């Protein structure tokens, strides 16, 4: 095991936990955080994830559980749902200023933990 890599990861965890405690971000439970990270990967890949698609892509949660956590993420301000212009039954998940700030601060924690 590479000790410096382990120390960097522990530093990141400590910084990320401190950031969550010291900021005004709404608290995320582990499943909400997992789902938000999953959605962020889609955003980073320039994909526009739909609620329906997201509900059926997680092997860790049932579709109804994903939907419930999406609703909570929306209420907490981390995601926004946009209705498709061509089919109003389809809703796409988009980021919000809060989610952008959240990931920006986590990125800063990661940079600080590895000393870049």
Protein backbone atom coordinates (compact mmCIF):
# COMPACT_ATOMS: atom_id res chain seq x y z
CA UNK A 1 0.00 0.00 0.00
CA UNK A 2 1.29 3.45 -0.94
CA UNK A 3 1.34 5.42 2.31
CA UNK A 4 1.35 8.87 0.66
CA UNK A 5 -1.72 7.93 -1.39
CA UNK A 6 -3.48 6.71 1.75
CA UNK A 7 -2.59 9.91 3.59
CA UNK A 8 -3.86 12.01 0.66
CA UNK A 9 -7.17 10.18 0.72
CA UNK A 10 -7.52 10.57 4.49
CA UNK A 11 -6.72 14.29 4.12
CA UNK A 12 -9.42 14.54 1.44
CA UNK A 13 -11.99 12.81 3.67
CA UNK A 14 -11.15 15.12 6.56
CA UNK A 15 -11.33 18.25 4.38
CA UNK A 16 -14.58 17.12 2.75
CA UNK A 17 -16.16 16.38 6.14
CA UNK A 18 -15.03 19.77 7.48
CA UNK A 19 -16.39 21.49 4.36
CA UNK A 20 -19.76 19.83 4.85
CA UNK A 21 -19.88 20.78 8.54
CA UNK A 22 -18.71 24.38 8.07
CA UNK A 23 -20.88 25.32 5.11
CA UNK A 24 -24.58 25.89 4.75
CA UNK A 25 -25.07 22.93 2.40
CA UNK A 26 -28.09 20.80 3.21
CA UNK A 27 -27.00 17.49 4.71
CA UNK A 28 -26.97 14.59 2.26
CA UNK A 29 -27.43 11.02 3.41
CA UNK A 30 -25.08 8.45 1.81
CA UNK A 31 -27.63 7.35 -0.81
CA UNK A 32 -28.40 10.93 -1.83
CA UNK A 33 -24.68 11.63 -2.14
CA UNK A 34 -24.19 8.44 -4.18
CA UNK A 35 -27.04 9.41 -6.51
CA UNK A 36 -25.82 13.00 -6.87
CA UNK A 37 -22.33 11.73 -7.73
CA UNK A 38 -23.82 9.33 -10.28
CA UNK A 39 -25.75 12.17 -11.90
CA UNK A 40 -22.68 14.43 -11.83
CA UNK A 41 -20.76 11.84 -13.84
CA UNK A 42 -23.47 12.03 -16.51
CA UNK A 43 -23.31 15.84 -16.51
CA UNK A 44 -19.53 15.71 -16.84
CA UNK A 45 -19.93 13.42 -19.87
CA UNK A 46 -22.25 16.06 -21.41
CA UNK A 47 -25.25 13.78 -21.00
CA UNK A 48 -28.66 15.06 -20.07
CA UNK A 49 -29.95 12.37 -17.69
CA UNK A 50 -33.68 11.87 -17.52
CA UNK A 51 -35.51 10.91 -14.36
CA UNK A 52 -36.72 7.69 -15.97
CA UNK A 53 -33.26 6.67 -17.18
CA UNK A 54 -31.68 7.50 -13.82
CA UNK A 55 -34.31 5.49 -11.96
CA UNK A 56 -33.29 2.37 -13.90
CA UNK A 57 -29.49 2.69 -13.92
CA UNK A 58 -28.68 2.05 -10.27
CA UNK A 59 -28.00 -1.49 -9.16
CA UNK A 60 -27.84 -0.33 -5.52
CA UNK A 61 -31.35 1.17 -5.34
CA UNK A 62 -34.77 0.30 -6.63
CA UNK A 63 -36.38 2.71 -9.11
CA UNK A 64 -38.80 3.96 -6.44
CA UNK A 65 -35.92 4.59 -4.02
CA UNK A 66 -34.03 6.52 -6.70
CA UNK A 67 -37.14 8.59 -7.39
CA UNK A 68 -37.60 9.33 -3.69
CA UNK A 69 -33.96 10.47 -3.38
CA UNK A 70 -34.27 12.57 -6.54
CA UNK A 71 -37.26 14.30 -4.99
CA UNK A 72 -35.24 14.99 -1.85
CA UNK A 73 -32.25 16.27 -3.86
CA UNK A 74 -34.62 18.61 -5.70
CA UNK A 75 -36.15 19.84 -2.44
CA UNK A 76 -32.68 20.44 -1.00
CA UNK A 77 -31.74 22.45 -4.10
CA UNK A 78 -29.07 20.18 -5.59
CA UNK A 79 -30.94 19.33 -8.80
CA UNK A 80 -33.63 20.85 -10.98
CA UNK A 81 -36.10 18.94 -13.15
CA UNK A 82 -36.78 20.32 -16.61
CA UNK A 83 -39.69 19.13 -18.72
CA UNK A 84 -38.82 18.00 -22.24
CA UNK A 85 -40.11 20.48 -24.81
CA UNK A 86 -41.35 17.72 -27.12
CA UNK A 87 -42.77 15.31 -24.53
CA UNK A 88 -43.97 16.76 -21.26
CA UNK A 89 -43.92 13.30 -19.65
CA UNK A 90 -40.10 13.31 -19.79
CA UNK A 91 -38.14 15.25 -17.18
CA UNK A 92 -34.40 15.87 -17.35
CA UNK A 93 -32.18 16.36 -14.31
CA UNK A 94 -30.00 19.45 -14.39
CA UNK A 95 -27.53 20.94 -11.97
CA UNK A 96 -28.15 24.02 -9.90
CA UNK A 97 -25.82 26.72 -8.58
CA UNK A 98 -25.84 24.82 -5.27
CA UNK A 99 -24.66 21.56 -6.85
CA UNK A 100 -22.01 23.41 -8.85
CA UNK A 101 -20.75 25.07 -5.67
CA UNK A 102 -20.83 21.73 -3.82
CA UNK A 103 -18.69 19.96 -6.42
CA UNK A 104 -16.40 22.96 -6.74
CA UNK A 105 -15.68 22.88 -3.01
CA UNK A 106 -15.18 19.11 -3.06
CA UNK A 107 -12.75 19.58 -5.95
CA UNK A 108 -10.89 22.17 -3.90
CA UNK A 109 -10.71 19.69 -1.01
CA UNK A 110 -9.23 17.11 -3.37
CA UNK A 111 -6.67 19.58 -4.73
CA UNK A 112 -5.70 20.66 -1.22
CA UNK A 113 -5.33 17.05 -0.06
CA UNK A 114 -2.77 16.21 -2.76
CA UNK A 115 -1.02 19.56 -2.52
CA UNK A 116 -1.76 20.88 -6.02
